[in-house]
Amino acid sequence: MNGNRRIPWLKLIFDVVLLAAGALISAVGVIVFQVPFNIAPGGVSGLAIIISHLAGGLPIGLLVLIGNIPIQLVAYRILGGWRSIIATLFAVILYSVLIDILTPVLAGHALSDDVFLNALYAGVVGGVGGGLVYRAGGTLGGTSTLGRILQVKYGTPLSSSTLYTDSGVVLLAGLVFGWEGALYAIVALFVGGAVSDYILEGPSVIRTATIITDYPDTVAQAIIQQMGRGVTSWQGTGMFTHKDRGVLFVTVGRQQVGALRRVVREADVHAFLVIGQGHAAYGQGFREISGDELVG
């Protein structure tokens, strides 16, 4: 029994380390690769870089924190209270503080004068940092949280809402820094997304889960209520035990895998959970099926 109690604490410590490491790496990426070359690849961080430039050097970390306050307040109300945003809050606050603390130390230490290289590595470093935060069940706030809010409130696919918001920031960066700057921002945005995917669990953006449990109704209701995801169920028979068991199928976003494991474990500690990778999901909560995508 004592051993079982240690597991959640070890998991908590591991997640905190991942969140802290991800926030630190992302902060270094902003300071070293993005700010010196006015690269603003979407999100609240990109918007903060733009505002800081226009306002004569306001602290970027402070702007990131201020920009996230209304988003996280809305997330608290819509996504289910503190439990749903606590990891993100920790990551955002630490990320914001680290940017402003490390700026005097790292500013002026650019590794290269080549803007393209800096855009490329801004994406790589930002993707590594963001991927670590995702693995711990959080995000760096901004468009990731906003996309989840729009998904829950209006049914907007997560990929679409993030694309819209990030595109708006990149467009603004083009108006402020010039269109060449916007192109570099797109490079950083694309590379960051790809690297983050690989750090998390591979290149795909969705995960499919098959759950075998003796308590299918309990597990399904926990997933529906806590994660807002639909669940499909059917009866199966274990060919080794010849015992009937419930089989559940659910599709989630890549950043929700950790939350799904937690929900299933709390509902049925003996459940059998298999996570698979998917390249695309079509239907409610994901992408719409269009005629062009059905061709071929």
C-alpha atoms as a PDB file:
ATOM      1  CA  MET A   1       0.000   0.000   0.000  1.00  0.00           C
ATOM      2  CA  ASN A   2       2.841   2.381   0.779  1.00  0.00           C
ATOM      3  CA  GLY A   3       4.314   1.601  -2.632  1.00  0.00           C
ATOM      4  CA  ASN A   4       1.044   2.593  -4.321  1.00  0.00           C
ATOM      5  CA  ARG A   5       1.132   5.936  -2.549  1.00  0.00           C
ATOM      6  CA  ARG A   6       4.599   6.704  -3.822  1.00  0.00           C
ATOM      7  CA  ILE A   7       3.642   6.350  -7.474  1.00  0.00           C
ATOM      8  CA  PRO A   8       1.472   9.518  -7.728  1.00  0.00           C
ATOM      9  CA  TRP A   9       4.169  11.523  -5.969  1.00  0.00           C
ATOM     10  CA  LEU A  10       6.860  10.256  -8.318  1.00  0.00           C
ATOM     11  CA  LYS A  11       4.606  11.054 -11.266  1.00  0.00           C
ATOM     12  CA  LEU A  12       3.963  14.540  -9.868  1.00  0.00           C
ATOM     13  CA  ILE A  13       7.683  15.198  -9.401  1.00  0.00           C
ATOM     14  CA  PHE A  14       8.421  13.920 -12.907  1.00  0.00           C
ATOM     15  CA  ASP A  15       5.724  16.163 -14.397  1.00  0.00           C
ATOM     16  CA  VAL A  16       6.999  19.207 -12.496  1.00  0.00           C
ATOM     17  CA  VAL A  17      10.526  18.546 -13.788  1.00  0.00           C
ATOM     18  CA  LEU A  18       9.207  18.242 -17.346  1.00  0.00           C
ATOM     19  CA  LEU A  19       7.181  21.452 -17.002  1.00  0.00           C
ATOM     20  CA  ALA A  20      10.147  23.345 -15.555  1.00  0.00           C
ATOM     21  CA  ALA A  21      12.563  22.021 -18.199  1.00  0.00           C
ATOM     22  CA  GLY A  22      10.114  22.811 -20.992  1.00  0.00           C
ATOM     23  CA  ALA A  23       9.518  26.337 -19.684  1.00  0.00           C
ATOM     24  CA  LEU A  24      13.270  26.956 -19.354  1.00  0.00           C
ATOM     25  CA  ILE A  25      14.111  25.653 -22.840  1.00  0.00           C
ATOM     26  CA  SER A  26      11.264  27.650 -24.405  1.00  0.00           C
ATOM     27  CA  ALA A  27      12.337  30.822 -22.594  1.00  0.00           C
ATOM     28  CA  VAL A  28      15.918  30.432 -23.828  1.00  0.00           C
ATOM     29  CA  GLY A  29      14.625  29.924 -27.368  1.00  0.00           C
ATOM     30  CA  VAL A  30      12.649  33.162 -27.229  1.00  0.00           C
ATOM     31  CA  ILE A  31      15.556  35.198 -25.860  1.00  0.00           C
ATOM     32  CA  VAL A  32      18.373  33.786 -28.009  1.00  0.00           C
ATOM     33  CA  PHE A  33      16.678  33.040 -31.325  1.00  0.00           C
ATOM     34  CA  GLN A  34      13.438  35.015 -31.606  1.00  0.00           C
ATOM     35  CA  VAL A  35      13.742  38.428 -29.976  1.00  0.00           C
ATOM     36  CA  PRO A  36      17.080  39.558 -31.530  1.00  0.00           C
ATOM     37  CA  PHE A  37      15.722  38.927 -35.037  1.00  0.00           C
ATOM     38  CA  ASN A  38      12.068  39.937 -34.503  1.00  0.00           C
ATOM     39  CA  ILE A  39      10.772  36.421 -35.176  1.00  0.00           C
ATOM     40  CA  ALA A  40       7.183  36.139 -33.895  1.00  0.00           C
ATOM     41  CA  PRO A  41       5.854  32.642 -34.745  1.00  0.00           C
ATOM     42  CA  GLY A  42       2.305  32.935 -33.463  1.00  0.00           C
ATOM     43  CA  GLY A  43       0.819  32.603 -30.007  1.00  0.00           C
ATOM     44  CA  VAL A  44       0.873  34.969 -27.064  1.00  0.00           C
ATOM     45  CA  SER A  45       4.690  34.877 -27.083  1.00  0.00           C
ATOM     46  CA  GLY A  46       4.780  36.112 -30.675  1.00  0.00           C
ATOM     47  CA  LEU A  47       2.256  38.811 -29.860  1.00  0.00           C
ATOM     48  CA  ALA A  48       4.342  39.831 -26.837  1.00  0.00           C
ATOM     49  CA  ILE A  49       7.437  40.217 -29.054  1.00  0.00           C
ATOM     50  CA  ILE A  50       5.479  42.476 -31.402  1.00  0.00           C
ATOM     51  CA  ILE A  51       4.017  44.619 -28.595  1.00  0.00           C
ATOM     52  CA  SER A  52       7.416  44.893 -26.885  1.00  0.00           C
ATOM     53  CA  HIS A  53       8.935  46.132 -30.135  1.00  0.00           C
ATOM     54  CA  LEU A  54       6.191  48.709 -30.667  1.00  0.00           C
ATOM     55  CA  ALA A  55       6.204  49.847 -27.032  1.00  0.00           C
ATOM     56  CA  GLY A  56       9.927  50.415 -26.823  1.00  0.00           C
ATOM     57  CA  GLY A  57      11.072  47.309 -24.998  1.00  0.00           C
ATOM     58  CA  LEU A  58       8.413  46.360 -22.459  1.00  0.00           C
ATOM     59  CA  PRO A  59       9.348  43.105 -20.660  1.00  0.00           C
ATOM     60  CA  ILE A  60       8.272  40.234 -22.893  1.00  0.00           C
ATOM     61  CA  GLY A  61       7.715  37.807 -20.038  1.00  0.00           C
ATOM     62  CA  LEU A  62       5.376  40.254 -18.322  1.00  0.00           C
ATOM     63  CA  LEU A  63       3.437  40.707 -21.555  1.00  0.00           C
ATOM     64  CA  VAL A  64       3.151  36.921 -21.970  1.00  0.00           C
ATOM     65  CA  LEU A  65       1.791  36.624 -18.441  1.00  0.00           C
ATOM     66  CA  ILE A  66      -0.696  39.478 -18.892  1.00  0.00           C
ATOM     67  CA  GLY A  67      -1.857  38.061 -22.220  1.00  0.00           C
ATOM     68  CA  ASN A  68      -2.522  34.678 -20.635  1.00  0.00           C
ATOM     69  CA  ILE A  69      -4.523  35.950 -17.654  1.00  0.00           C
ATOM     70  CA  PRO A  70      -7.871  36.415 -19.457  1.00  0.00           C
ATOM     71  CA  ILE A  71      -7.380  33.193 -21.445  1.00  0.00           C
ATOM     72  CA  GLN A  72      -6.737  31.128 -18.310  1.00  0.00           C
ATOM     73  CA  LEU A  73      -9.652  32.714 -16.452  1.00  0.00           C
ATOM     74  CA  VAL A  74     -11.978  31.694 -19.276  1.00  0.00           C
ATOM     75  CA  ALA A  75     -10.344  28.240 -19.350  1.00  0.00           C
ATOM     76  CA  TYR A  76     -10.992  27.884 -15.615  1.00  0.00           C
ATOM     77  CA  ARG A  77     -14.699  28.409 -16.147  1.00  0.00           C
ATOM     78  CA  ILE A  78     -15.162  26.436 -19.368  1.00  0.00           C
ATOM     79  CA  LEU A  79     -12.659  23.588 -19.116  1.00  0.00           C
ATOM     80  CA  GLY A  80     -13.552  22.405 -15.624  1.00  0.00           C
ATOM     81  CA  GLY A  81     -11.806  24.346 -12.870  1.00  0.00           C
ATOM     82  CA  TRP A  82      -8.264  24.437 -11.537  1.00  0.00           C
ATOM     83  CA  ARG A  83      -7.535  20.790 -12.169  1.00  0.00           C
ATOM     84  CA  SER A  84      -7.804  21.258 -15.912  1.00  0.00           C
ATOM     85  CA  ILE A  85      -5.394  24.213 -16.048  1.00  0.00           C
ATOM     86  CA  ILE A  86      -3.034  23.838 -13.079  1.00  0.00           C
ATOM     87  CA  ALA A  87      -0.162  22.380 -15.134  1.00  0.00           C
ATOM     88  CA  THR A  88      -0.577  25.107 -17.750  1.00  0.00           C
ATOM     89  CA  LEU A  89      -0.664  27.828 -15.082  1.00  0.00           C
ATOM     90  CA  PHE A  90       2.585  26.552 -13.571  1.00  0.00           C
ATOM     91  CA  ALA A  91       4.284  26.369 -16.974  1.00  0.00           C
ATOM     92  CA  VAL A  92       3.054  29.802 -18.104  1.00  0.00           C
ATOM     93  CA  ILE A  93       4.095  31.579 -14.911  1.00  0.00           C
ATOM     94  CA  LEU A  94       7.530  29.950 -14.848  1.00  0.00           C
ATOM     95  CA  TYR A  95       8.012  30.557 -18.579  1.00  0.00           C
ATOM     96  CA  SER A  96       7.098  34.241 -18.220  1.00  0.00           C
ATOM     97  CA  VAL A  97       9.353  34.780 -15.205  1.00  0.00           C
ATOM     98  CA  LEU A  98      12.288  32.983 -16.806  1.00  0.00           C
ATOM     99  CA  ILE A  99      12.080  35.106 -19.955  1.00  0.00           C
ATOM    100  CA  ASP A 100      12.493  38.326 -17.966  1.00  0.00           C
ATOM    101  CA  ILE A 101      15.075  36.899 -15.543  1.00  0.00           C
ATOM    102  CA  LEU A 102      17.279  35.426 -18.265  1.00  0.00           C
ATOM    103  CA  THR A 103      16.989  38.276 -20.775  1.00  0.00           C
ATOM    104  CA  PRO A 104      19.749  40.409 -19.129  1.00  0.00           C
ATOM    105  CA  VAL A 105      21.996  37.330 -18.994  1.00  0.00           C
ATOM    106  CA  LEU A 106      21.437  35.935 -22.486  1.00  0.00           C
ATOM    107  CA  ALA A 107      20.578  39.046 -24.509  1.00  0.00           C
ATOM    108  CA  GLY A 108      23.249  39.862 -27.075  1.00  0.00           C
ATOM    109  CA  HIS A 109      24.577  36.286 -27.173  1.00  0.00           C
ATOM    110  CA  ALA A 110      23.183  35.279 -30.552  1.00  0.00           C
ATOM    111  CA  LEU A 111      24.783  32.103 -31.888  1.00  0.00           C
ATOM    112  CA  SER A 112      24.514  33.204 -35.511  1.00  0.00           C
ATOM    113  CA  ASP A 113      23.760  36.324 -37.531  1.00  0.00           C
ATOM    114  CA  ASP A 114      21.891  34.263 -40.139  1.00  0.00           C
ATOM    115  CA  VAL A 115      18.183  35.009 -39.714  1.00  0.00           C
ATOM    116  CA  PHE A 116      17.079  31.777 -41.366  1.00  0.00           C
ATOM    117  CA  LEU A 117      19.199  29.674 -39.005  1.00  0.00           C
ATOM    118  CA  ASN A 118      17.755  31.536 -36.059  1.00  0.00           C
ATOM    119  CA  ALA A 119      14.202  30.965 -37.333  1.00  0.00           C
ATOM    120  CA  LEU A 120      14.977  27.283 -37.814  1.00  0.00           C
ATOM    121  CA  TYR A 121      16.411  26.825 -34.337  1.00  0.00           C
ATOM    122  CA  ALA A 122      13.741  28.980 -32.779  1.00  0.00           C
ATOM    123  CA  GLY A 123      11.349  26.311 -34.012  1.00  0.00           C
ATOM    124  CA  VAL A 124      13.556  23.416 -32.879  1.00  0.00           C
ATOM    125  CA  VAL A 125      14.168  24.781 -29.378  1.00  0.00           C
ATOM    126  CA  GLY A 126      10.591  25.987 -28.969  1.00  0.00           C
ATOM    127  CA  GLY A 127       9.308  22.613 -30.173  1.00  0.00           C
ATOM    128  CA  VAL A 128      11.451  20.715 -27.675  1.00  0.00           C
ATOM    129  CA  GLY A 129      10.308  22.961 -24.825  1.00  0.00           C
ATOM    130  CA  GLY A 130       6.661  22.814 -25.830  1.00  0.00           C
ATOM    131  CA  GLY A 131       6.818  19.041 -26.321  1.00  0.00           C
ATOM    132  CA  LEU A 132       8.148  18.512 -22.797  1.00  0.00           C
ATOM    133  CA  VAL A 133       5.354  20.669 -21.384  1.00  0.00           C
ATOM    134  CA  TYR A 134       2.775  18.722 -23.417  1.00  0.00           C
ATOM    135  CA  ARG A 135       4.141  15.433 -22.083  1.00  0.00           C
ATOM    136  CA  ALA A 136       3.538  16.667 -18.550  1.00  0.00           C
ATOM    137  CA  GLY A 137      -0.093  17.424 -19.396  1.00  0.00           C
ATOM    138  CA  GLY A 138       0.213  21.205 -19.734  1.00  0.00           C
ATOM    139  CA  THR A 139       0.724  23.826 -22.401  1.00  0.00           C
ATOM    140  CA  LEU A 140       2.464  27.194 -22.558  1.00  0.00           C
ATOM    141  CA  GLY A 141      -0.969  28.797 -22.673  1.00  0.00           C
ATOM    142  CA  GLY A 142      -1.926  31.212 -25.391  1.00  0.00           C
ATOM    143  CA  THR A 143      -3.339  29.726 -28.573  1.00  0.00           C
ATOM    144  CA  SER A 144      -3.178  26.146 -27.265  1.00  0.00           C
ATOM    145  CA  THR A 145      -5.542  26.957 -24.409  1.00  0.00           C
ATOM    146  CA  LEU A 146      -7.642  29.270 -26.569  1.00  0.00           C
ATOM    147  CA  GLY A 147      -8.060  26.515 -29.149  1.00  0.00           C
ATOM    148  CA  ARG A 148      -9.275  24.098 -26.493  1.00  0.00           C
ATOM    149  CA  ILE A 149     -11.788  26.696 -25.234  1.00  0.00           C
ATOM    150  CA  LEU A 150     -13.169  27.257 -28.738  1.00  0.00           C
ATOM    151  CA  GLN A 151     -13.378  23.499 -29.246  1.00  0.00           C
ATOM    152  CA  VAL A 152     -15.420  22.954 -26.083  1.00  0.00           C
ATOM    153  CA  LYS A 153     -17.594  26.059 -26.452  1.00  0.00           C
ATOM    154  CA  TYR A 154     -18.288  26.112 -30.176  1.00  0.00           C
ATOM    155  CA  GLY A 155     -17.098  22.759 -31.510  1.00  0.00           C
ATOM    156  CA  THR A 156     -14.303  24.370 -33.535  1.00  0.00           C
ATOM    157  CA  PRO A 157     -11.627  21.769 -34.391  1.00  0.00           C
ATOM    158  CA  LEU A 158      -8.484  22.320 -32.329  1.00  0.00           C
ATOM    159  CA  SER A 159      -6.240  22.341 -35.387  1.00  0.00           C
ATOM    160  CA  SER A 160      -8.377  24.973 -37.124  1.00  0.00           C
ATOM    161  CA  SER A 161      -8.614  27.378 -34.168  1.00  0.00           C
ATOM    162  CA  THR A 162      -4.861  27.222 -33.547  1.00  0.00           C
ATOM    163  CA  LEU A 163      -4.194  27.818 -37.241  1.00  0.00           C
ATOM    164  CA  TYR A 164      -6.460  30.890 -37.258  1.00  0.00           C
ATOM    165  CA  THR A 165      -4.954  32.487 -34.156  1.00  0.00           C
ATOM    166  CA  ASP A 166      -1.329  31.793 -35.080  1.00  0.00           C
ATOM    167  CA  SER A 167      -1.925  33.031 -38.630  1.00  0.00           C
ATOM    168  CA  GLY A 168      -3.295  36.271 -37.220  1.00  0.00           C
ATOM    169  CA  VAL A 169      -0.146  36.828 -35.164  1.00  0.00           C
ATOM    170  CA  VAL A 170       2.111  36.007 -38.121  1.00  0.00           C
ATOM    171  CA  LEU A 171       0.134  38.449 -40.294  1.00  0.00           C
ATOM    172  CA  LEU A 172       0.585  41.146 -37.657  1.00  0.00           C
ATOM    173  CA  ALA A 173       4.311  40.341 -37.530  1.00  0.00           C
ATOM    174  CA  GLY A 174       4.441  40.880 -41.292  1.00  0.00           C
ATOM    175  CA  LEU A 175       2.839  44.305 -40.921  1.00  0.00           C
ATOM    176  CA  VAL A 176       5.232  45.314 -38.135  1.00  0.00           C
ATOM    177  CA  PHE A 177       8.509  43.627 -39.081  1.00  0.00           C
ATOM    178  CA  GLY A 178       8.017  43.275 -42.832  1.00  0.00           C
ATOM    179  CA  TRP A 179       6.843  40.330 -44.914  1.00  0.00           C
ATOM    180  CA  GLU A 180      10.247  38.699 -44.906  1.00  0.00           C
ATOM    181  CA  GLY A 181       9.964  38.614 -41.116  1.00  0.00           C
ATOM    182  CA  ALA A 182       6.573  36.924 -41.470  1.00  0.00           C
ATOM    183  CA  LEU A 183       8.116  34.248 -43.697  1.00  0.00           C
ATOM    184  CA  TYR A 184      10.776  33.538 -41.078  1.00  0.00           C
ATOM    185  CA  ALA A 185       8.028  33.351 -38.448  1.00  0.00           C
ATOM    186  CA  ILE A 186       6.204  30.741 -40.539  1.00  0.00           C
ATOM    187  CA  VAL A 187       9.409  28.665 -40.735  1.00  0.00           C
ATOM    188  CA  ALA A 188       9.763  28.777 -36.948  1.00  0.00           C
ATOM    189  CA  LEU A 189       6.071  27.973 -36.471  1.00  0.00           C
ATOM    190  CA  PHE A 190       6.168  24.965 -38.811  1.00  0.00           C
ATOM    191  CA  VAL A 191       9.410  23.531 -37.423  1.00  0.00           C
ATOM    192  CA  GLY A 192       8.249  24.082 -33.845  1.00  0.00           C
ATOM    193  CA  GLY A 193       5.040  22.155 -34.467  1.00  0.00           C
ATOM    194  CA  ALA A 194       6.858  19.252 -36.122  1.00  0.00           C
ATOM    195  CA  VAL A 195       9.487  18.994 -33.380  1.00  0.00           C
ATOM    196  CA  SER A 196       6.854  19.220 -30.658  1.00  0.00           C
ATOM    197  CA  ASP A 197       4.983  16.320 -32.286  1.00  0.00           C
ATOM    198  CA  TYR A 198       8.093  14.159 -32.326  1.00  0.00           C
ATOM    199  CA  ILE A 199       9.001  15.017 -28.739  1.00  0.00           C
ATOM    200  CA  LEU A 200       5.519  14.113 -27.562  1.00  0.00           C
ATOM    201  CA  GLU A 201       4.992  10.814 -29.361  1.00  0.00           C
ATOM    202  CA  GLY A 202       5.682  11.075 -33.059  1.00  0.00           C
ATOM    203  CA  PRO A 203       4.543  13.087 -36.066  1.00  0.00           C
ATOM    204  CA  SER A 204       0.789  12.498 -35.882  1.00  0.00           C
ATOM    205  CA  VAL A 205      -1.567  14.982 -34.199  1.00  0.00           C
ATOM    206  CA  ILE A 206      -4.198  12.625 -32.784  1.00  0.00           C
ATOM    207  CA  ARG A 207      -4.193   9.547 -30.616  1.00  0.00           C
ATOM    208  CA  THR A 208      -6.650   6.669 -30.620  1.00  0.00           C
ATOM    209  CA  ALA A 209      -7.222   4.722 -27.410  1.00  0.00           C
ATOM    210  CA  THR A 210      -8.713   1.285 -26.866  1.00  0.00           C
ATOM    211  CA  ILE A 211      -9.698   0.572 -23.277  1.00  0.00           C
ATOM    212  CA  ILE A 212     -10.684  -2.856 -21.948  1.00  0.00           C
ATOM    213  CA  THR A 213     -12.414  -2.627 -18.582  1.00  0.00           C
ATOM    214  CA  ASP A 214     -14.854  -4.328 -16.234  1.00  0.00           C
ATOM    215  CA  TYR A 215     -16.506  -0.949 -15.637  1.00  0.00           C
ATOM    216  CA  PRO A 216     -17.174   0.493 -19.121  1.00  0.00           C
ATOM    217  CA  ASP A 217     -19.974   2.837 -18.022  1.00  0.00           C
ATOM    218  CA  THR A 218     -17.883   4.354 -15.214  1.00  0.00           C
ATOM    219  CA  VAL A 219     -14.804   4.828 -17.390  1.00  0.00           C
ATOM    220  CA  ALA A 220     -16.815   6.210 -20.319  1.00  0.00           C
ATOM    221  CA  GLN A 221     -18.663   8.737 -18.155  1.00  0.00           C
ATOM    222  CA  ALA A 222     -15.368   9.891 -16.599  1.00  0.00           C
ATOM    223  CA  ILE A 223     -13.873  10.503 -20.061  1.00  0.00           C
ATOM    224  CA  ILE A 224     -16.995  12.303 -21.306  1.00  0.00           C
ATOM    225  CA  GLN A 225     -17.360  14.512 -18.230  1.00  0.00           C
ATOM    226  CA  GLN A 226     -13.703  15.322 -17.555  1.00  0.00           C
ATOM    227  CA  MET A 227     -12.354  15.482 -21.108  1.00  0.00           C
ATOM    228  CA  GLY A 228     -15.409  16.275 -23.223  1.00  0.00           C
ATOM    229  CA  ARG A 229     -14.659  13.426 -25.629  1.00  0.00           C
ATOM    230  CA  GLY A 230     -17.143  10.988 -27.136  1.00  0.00           C
ATOM    231  CA  VAL A 231     -16.689   7.299 -26.400  1.00  0.00           C
ATOM    232  CA  THR A 232     -17.788   4.238 -28.395  1.00  0.00           C
ATOM    233  CA  SER A 233     -18.316   0.959 -26.536  1.00  0.00           C
ATOM    234  CA  TRP A 234     -18.985  -2.700 -27.304  1.00  0.00           C
ATOM    235  CA  GLN A 235     -18.742  -6.032 -25.524  1.00  0.00           C
ATOM    236  CA  GLY A 236     -15.741  -8.268 -25.959  1.00  0.00           C
ATOM    237  CA  THR A 237     -14.677 -11.654 -24.646  1.00  0.00           C
ATOM    238  CA  GLY A 238     -11.209 -12.399 -23.314  1.00  0.00           C
ATOM    239  CA  MET A 239     -10.159 -15.572 -25.082  1.00  0.00           C
ATOM    240  CA  PHE A 240      -7.761 -16.498 -22.275  1.00  0.00           C
ATOM    241  CA  THR A 241     -10.205 -15.996 -19.395  1.00  0.00           C
ATOM    242  CA  HIS A 242     -13.430 -16.447 -21.433  1.00  0.00           C
ATOM    243  CA  LYS A 243     -14.769 -13.489 -19.485  1.00  0.00           C
ATOM    244  CA  ASP A 244     -16.946 -10.758 -20.994  1.00  0.00           C
ATOM    245  CA  ARG A 245     -15.467  -7.276 -20.688  1.00  0.00           C
ATOM    246  CA  GLY A 246     -16.315  -3.815 -21.971  1.00  0.00           C
ATOM    247  CA  VAL A 247     -14.263  -2.358 -24.814  1.00  0.00           C
ATOM    248  CA  LEU A 248     -14.125   1.434 -25.263  1.00  0.00           C
ATOM    249  CA  PHE A 249     -12.731   3.445 -28.154  1.00  0.00           C
ATOM    250  CA  VAL A 250     -11.907   7.156 -27.944  1.00  0.00           C
ATOM    251  CA  THR A 251      -9.929   9.644 -30.038  1.00  0.00           C
ATOM    252  CA  VAL A 252      -8.065  12.501 -28.337  1.00  0.00           C
ATOM    253  CA  GLY A 253      -5.585  15.234 -29.218  1.00  0.00           C
ATOM    254  CA  ARG A 254      -1.917  14.477 -28.646  1.00  0.00           C
ATOM    255  CA  GLN A 255      -1.732  16.838 -25.659  1.00  0.00           C
ATOM    256  CA  GLN A 256      -4.571  14.959 -23.943  1.00  0.00           C
ATOM    257  CA  VAL A 257      -2.864  11.561 -23.693  1.00  0.00           C
ATOM    258  CA  GLY A 258      -1.605  12.199 -20.165  1.00  0.00           C
ATOM    259  CA  ALA A 259      -5.036  13.361 -19.027  1.00  0.00           C
ATOM    260  CA  LEU A 260      -6.652  10.272 -20.571  1.00  0.00           C
ATOM    261  CA  ARG A 261      -4.271   7.955 -18.700  1.00  0.00           C
ATOM    262  CA  ARG A 262      -5.122   9.725 -15.448  1.00  0.00           C
ATOM    263  CA  VAL A 263      -8.881   9.588 -16.016  1.00  0.00           C
ATOM    264  CA  VAL A 264      -8.836   5.885 -16.921  1.00  0.00           C
ATOM    265  CA  ARG A 265      -6.588   5.011 -13.984  1.00  0.00           C
ATOM    266  CA  GLU A 266      -8.852   6.836 -11.522  1.00  0.00           C
ATOM    267  CA  ALA A 267     -11.989   5.182 -12.916  1.00  0.00           C
ATOM    268  CA  ASP A 268     -10.554   1.633 -13.118  1.00  0.00           C
ATOM    269  CA  VAL A 269      -7.022   0.984 -11.917  1.00  0.00           C
ATOM    270  CA  HIS A 270      -7.087  -2.484 -13.559  1.00  0.00           C
ATOM    271  CA  ALA A 271      -8.193  -1.256 -17.004  1.00  0.00           C
ATOM    272  CA  PHE A 272      -6.109  -2.249 -20.045  1.00  0.00           C
ATOM    273  CA  LEU A 273      -5.270   0.845 -22.132  1.00  0.00           C
ATOM    274  CA  VAL A 274      -3.682   0.863 -25.589  1.00  0.00           C
ATOM    275  CA  ILE A 275      -2.698   4.194 -27.215  1.00  0.00           C
ATOM    276  CA  GLY A 276      -2.293   4.308 -30.988  1.00  0.00           C
ATOM    277  CA  GLN A 277      -1.188   7.044 -33.375  1.00  0.00           C
ATOM    278  CA  GLY A 278      -3.453   8.538 -36.001  1.00  0.00           C
ATOM    279  CA  HIS A 279      -2.676  10.972 -38.788  1.00  0.00           C
ATOM    280  CA  ALA A 280      -6.080  12.674 -39.007  1.00  0.00           C
ATOM    281  CA  ALA A 281      -9.525  12.560 -37.422  1.00  0.00           C
ATOM    282  CA  TYR A 282     -12.711  13.687 -39.145  1.00  0.00           C
ATOM    283  CA  GLY A 283     -15.977  14.511 -37.427  1.00  0.00           C
ATOM    284  CA  GLN A 284     -17.249  16.411 -34.407  1.00  0.00           C
ATOM    285  CA  GLY A 285     -14.454  18.003 -32.397  1.00  0.00           C
ATOM    286  CA  PHE A 286     -11.886  17.379 -35.132  1.00  0.00           C
ATOM    287  CA  ARG A 287     -11.628  18.209 -38.839  1.00  0.00           C
ATOM    288  CA  GLU A 288     -14.644  18.396 -41.117  1.00  0.00           C
ATOM    289  CA  ILE A 289     -14.926  15.915 -43.983  1.00  0.00           C
ATOM    290  CA  SER A 290     -14.581  17.801 -47.244  1.00  0.00           C
ATOM    291  CA  GLY A 291     -15.060  16.569 -50.767  1.00  0.00           C
ATOM    292  CA  ASP A 292     -11.448  17.254 -51.690  1.00  0.00           C
ATOM    293  CA  GLU A 293     -10.174  14.980 -48.915  1.00  0.00           C
ATOM    294  CA  LEU A 294     -12.367  12.117 -50.072  1.00  0.00           C
ATOM    295  CA  VAL A 295     -10.918  12.090 -53.573  1.00  0.00           C
ATOM    296  CA  GLY A 296      -8.471   9.233 -54.122  1.00  0.00           C
END
